[in-house]
């Protein structure tokens, strides 16, 4: 999902994955620390929203992972 969009709101990703805030936050924190995901917090119509996007390293890791999976299934 994140690879298909330039930027995705935390709330939308959480709803699509059907996980809790805490579960998604934990995973996002790990991905951010690894340099794969960038997190931006902005105000939108008075509400604070969290936006997520893949970094260049994240895109590269995702592409490599998908290629490896394709090789496995042949």
C-alpha atoms as a PDB file:
ATOM      1  CA  UNK A   1       0.000   0.000   0.000  1.00  0.00           C
ATOM      2  CA  UNK A   2       2.702   2.420   0.957  1.00  0.00           C
ATOM      3  CA  UNK A   3       4.745   1.578  -2.118  1.00  0.00           C
ATOM      4  CA  UNK A   4       1.802   2.356  -4.414  1.00  0.00           C
ATOM      5  CA  UNK A   5       1.203   5.835  -3.011  1.00  0.00           C
ATOM      6  CA  UNK A   6       3.563   8.712  -2.475  1.00  0.00           C
ATOM      7  CA  UNK A   7       2.264   9.337   1.003  1.00  0.00           C
ATOM      8  CA  UNK A   8      -0.357   7.635   3.148  1.00  0.00           C
ATOM      9  CA  UNK A   9      -2.095   8.781   6.304  1.00  0.00           C
ATOM     10  CA  UNK A  10      -1.489   6.629   9.389  1.00  0.00           C
ATOM     11  CA  UNK A  11      -5.219   6.322  10.081  1.00  0.00           C
ATOM     12  CA  UNK A  12      -5.985   5.020   6.588  1.00  0.00           C
ATOM     13  CA  UNK A  13      -3.159   2.478   6.717  1.00  0.00           C
ATOM     14  CA  UNK A  14      -4.310   1.309  10.161  1.00  0.00           C
ATOM     15  CA  UNK A  15      -7.870   0.855   8.896  1.00  0.00           C
ATOM     16  CA  UNK A  16      -6.753  -0.988   5.755  1.00  0.00           C
ATOM     17  CA  UNK A  17      -4.559  -3.361   7.755  1.00  0.00           C
ATOM     18  CA  UNK A  18      -7.194  -3.732  10.496  1.00  0.00           C
ATOM     19  CA  UNK A  19      -4.691  -3.358  13.334  1.00  0.00           C
ATOM     20  CA  UNK A  20      -4.579  -1.200  16.449  1.00  0.00           C
ATOM     21  CA  UNK A  21      -2.740   2.112  16.721  1.00  0.00           C
ATOM     22  CA  UNK A  22      -0.155   0.554  19.008  1.00  0.00           C
ATOM     23  CA  UNK A  23       0.585  -2.383  16.682  1.00  0.00           C
ATOM     24  CA  UNK A  24       1.036  -0.139  13.644  1.00  0.00           C
ATOM     25  CA  UNK A  25       3.038   2.438  15.623  1.00  0.00           C
ATOM     26  CA  UNK A  26       5.470  -0.235  16.784  1.00  0.00           C
ATOM     27  CA  UNK A  27       6.075  -1.463  13.236  1.00  0.00           C
ATOM     28  CA  UNK A  28       6.363   2.050  11.814  1.00  0.00           C
ATOM     29  CA  UNK A  29       8.903   2.960  14.502  1.00  0.00           C
ATOM     30  CA  UNK A  30      11.064  -0.036  13.544  1.00  0.00           C
ATOM     31  CA  UNK A  31      10.835   0.825   9.844  1.00  0.00           C
ATOM     32  CA  UNK A  32      11.631   4.480  10.561  1.00  0.00           C
ATOM     33  CA  UNK A  33      14.676   3.526  12.654  1.00  0.00           C
ATOM     34  CA  UNK A  34      15.861   1.291   9.792  1.00  0.00           C
ATOM     35  CA  UNK A  35      15.549   4.258   7.430  1.00  0.00           C
ATOM     36  CA  UNK A  36      12.780   2.689   5.334  1.00  0.00           C
ATOM     37  CA  UNK A  37       9.875   4.970   6.272  1.00  0.00           C
ATOM     38  CA  UNK A  38       9.630   8.730   6.775  1.00  0.00           C
ATOM     39  CA  UNK A  39       7.059  10.063   9.234  1.00  0.00           C
ATOM     40  CA  UNK A  40       5.629  13.579   8.971  1.00  0.00           C
ATOM     41  CA  UNK A  41       3.165  15.132  11.414  1.00  0.00           C
ATOM     42  CA  UNK A  42       1.091  18.001  10.068  1.00  0.00           C
ATOM     43  CA  UNK A  43      -2.019  19.926  10.978  1.00  0.00           C
ATOM     44  CA  UNK A  44      -4.909  19.531   8.573  1.00  0.00           C
ATOM     45  CA  UNK A  45      -8.040  21.573   9.233  1.00  0.00           C
ATOM     46  CA  UNK A  46      -7.053  21.855  12.886  1.00  0.00           C
ATOM     47  CA  UNK A  47      -6.373  18.138  13.319  1.00  0.00           C
ATOM     48  CA  UNK A  48      -2.925  16.681  13.774  1.00  0.00           C
ATOM     49  CA  UNK A  49      -2.340  13.937  11.231  1.00  0.00           C
ATOM     50  CA  UNK A  50       0.544  11.540  10.721  1.00  0.00           C
ATOM     51  CA  UNK A  51       1.697  10.865   7.172  1.00  0.00           C
ATOM     52  CA  UNK A  52       3.945   8.002   6.109  1.00  0.00           C
ATOM     53  CA  UNK A  53       6.090   7.581   3.022  1.00  0.00           C
ATOM     54  CA  UNK A  54       8.780   5.198   1.853  1.00  0.00           C
ATOM     55  CA  UNK A  55      12.307   6.551   1.722  1.00  0.00           C
ATOM     56  CA  UNK A  56      14.653   5.718  -1.156  1.00  0.00           C
ATOM     57  CA  UNK A  57      16.128   2.961   1.003  1.00  0.00           C
ATOM     58  CA  UNK A  58      12.625   1.696   1.769  1.00  0.00           C
ATOM     59  CA  UNK A  59      11.696   1.595  -1.905  1.00  0.00           C
ATOM     60  CA  UNK A  60      14.901  -0.267  -2.683  1.00  0.00           C
ATOM     61  CA  UNK A  61      14.364  -2.808   0.086  1.00  0.00           C
ATOM     62  CA  UNK A  62      10.755  -3.339  -0.992  1.00  0.00           C
ATOM     63  CA  UNK A  63      11.737  -3.858  -4.634  1.00  0.00           C
ATOM     64  CA  UNK A  64      14.487  -6.282  -3.660  1.00  0.00           C
ATOM     65  CA  UNK A  65      12.102  -8.237  -1.425  1.00  0.00           C
ATOM     66  CA  UNK A  66       9.457  -8.497  -4.161  1.00  0.00           C
ATOM     67  CA  UNK A  67      12.079  -9.652  -6.679  1.00  0.00           C
ATOM     68  CA  UNK A  68      13.292 -12.342  -4.281  1.00  0.00           C
ATOM     69  CA  UNK A  69       9.720 -13.546  -3.746  1.00  0.00           C
ATOM     70  CA  UNK A  70       9.172 -13.721  -7.507  1.00  0.00           C
ATOM     71  CA  UNK A  71      12.308 -15.817  -7.888  1.00  0.00           C
ATOM     72  CA  UNK A  72      11.104 -18.186  -5.176  1.00  0.00           C
ATOM     73  CA  UNK A  73       7.754 -18.839  -6.847  1.00  0.00           C
ATOM     74  CA  UNK A  74       9.387 -18.995 -10.261  1.00  0.00           C
END
